[in-house]
Protein backbone atom coordinates (compact mmCIF):
# COMPACT_ATOMS: atom_id res chain seq x y z
CA MET A 1 -0.06 -0.08 0.03
CA MET A 2 1.11 3.40 -0.85
CA ILE A 3 0.75 5.41 2.41
CA GLU A 4 -0.24 9.18 1.34
CA TYR A 5 -0.31 10.35 5.14
CA PRO A 6 2.97 8.65 6.31
CA ASN A 7 2.77 10.47 9.86
CA LEU A 8 -1.04 9.25 10.62
CA ALA A 9 -0.16 5.50 9.79
CA GLY A 10 3.46 5.92 12.08
CA GLU A 11 1.17 7.27 14.92
CA ILE A 12 -1.33 4.73 14.45
CA ALA A 13 1.23 1.75 14.42
CA LYS A 14 3.41 3.33 17.25
CA ARG A 15 0.38 3.72 19.85
CA GLY A 16 -1.23 0.38 18.79
CA VAL A 17 -4.79 2.18 17.47
CA LYS A 18 -6.60 -0.38 15.71
CA LYS A 19 -7.64 0.73 12.20
CA ARG A 20 -10.96 -0.90 12.84
CA ALA A 21 -11.04 1.38 15.92
CA ILE A 22 -10.73 4.48 13.80
CA ALA A 23 -12.85 3.11 10.85
CA SER A 24 -15.85 2.52 13.35
CA THR A 25 -15.27 5.99 15.31
CA LEU A 26 -15.98 7.82 11.78
CA GLY A 27 -18.51 5.61 10.89
CA ILE A 28 -17.07 4.32 7.47
CA SER A 29 -15.68 0.82 6.56
CA GLU A 30 -12.03 -0.49 7.05
CA LYS A 31 -11.88 -0.46 2.91
CA SER A 32 -12.56 3.20 2.89
CA LEU A 33 -10.22 4.31 5.66
CA PHE A 34 -7.88 1.90 3.73
CA ASN A 35 -8.79 4.28 0.82
CA LYS A 36 -8.48 7.41 2.46
CA MET A 37 -4.88 6.58 4.00
CA SER A 38 -3.90 5.86 0.48
CA GLY A 39 -4.90 8.62 -1.25
CA SER A 40 -7.25 7.55 -3.47
CA VAL A 41 -10.44 9.27 -1.45
CA GLU A 42 -9.78 12.83 0.18
CA PHE A 43 -10.20 12.70 3.96
CA ALA A 44 -13.54 15.17 4.78
CA TRP A 45 -12.41 17.64 7.50
CA LYS A 46 -14.98 16.22 9.81
CA GLU A 47 -13.09 13.21 9.87
CA VAL A 48 -9.93 14.65 10.03
CA CYS A 49 -10.99 16.68 13.35
CA LYS A 50 -12.67 13.10 14.68
CA ILE A 51 -9.40 11.36 14.34
CA HIS A 52 -7.51 13.93 15.80
CA ASP A 53 -9.58 14.78 18.77
CA CYS A 54 -10.16 10.93 19.50
CA PHE A 55 -6.98 9.17 18.96
CA PHE A 56 -4.22 11.93 18.40
CA PRO A 57 -5.21 14.78 20.80
CA ASP A 58 -1.67 15.95 21.39
CA ARG A 59 -0.37 15.72 17.68
CA GLU A 60 -1.14 18.81 15.46
CA LYS A 61 -3.66 18.08 12.76
CA ASP A 62 -1.30 20.01 10.15
CA GLU A 63 1.48 17.34 11.01
CA LEU A 64 -0.31 14.31 11.36
CA PHE A 65 -2.18 14.97 7.98
CA ARG A 66 0.71 16.08 6.27
CA ARG A 67 0.96 14.57 2.78
CA ALA A 68 3.79 11.99 1.85
CA GLU A 69 6.43 13.80 -0.40
CA ARG A 70 6.07 12.47 -4.21
CA ASP A 71 9.32 11.65 -4.27
CA GLU A 72 8.92 9.02 -1.28
CA LEU A 73 6.15 7.36 -2.76
CA PHE A 74 7.67 6.78 -6.12
CA ALA A 75 11.04 5.45 -3.75
CA GLU A 76 8.41 2.79 -2.24
CA LYS A 77 7.04 2.03 -5.55
CA GLU A 78 10.18 1.09 -7.06
CA GLU A 79 11.32 -0.69 -4.43
CA ARG A 80 8.40 -3.02 -4.25
CA GLY A 81 9.24 -3.25 -8.26
């Protein structure tokens, strides 16, 4: 999976937050969350706020939802072949 939001993905992993819990909080499926995290579908502002407030209130929204640099995404894709 190409991760569009590496800081969000990192915090999820570091804190052991279940993606199922995030999806449930947002009222969406895990597949919908996957599509948003991969950048296929945009997060709505209310979703950004809910994820921040419920799971990562100690992190700045701008930093948490900073998009990956294009060079990082292409490097990841090339590594996988």
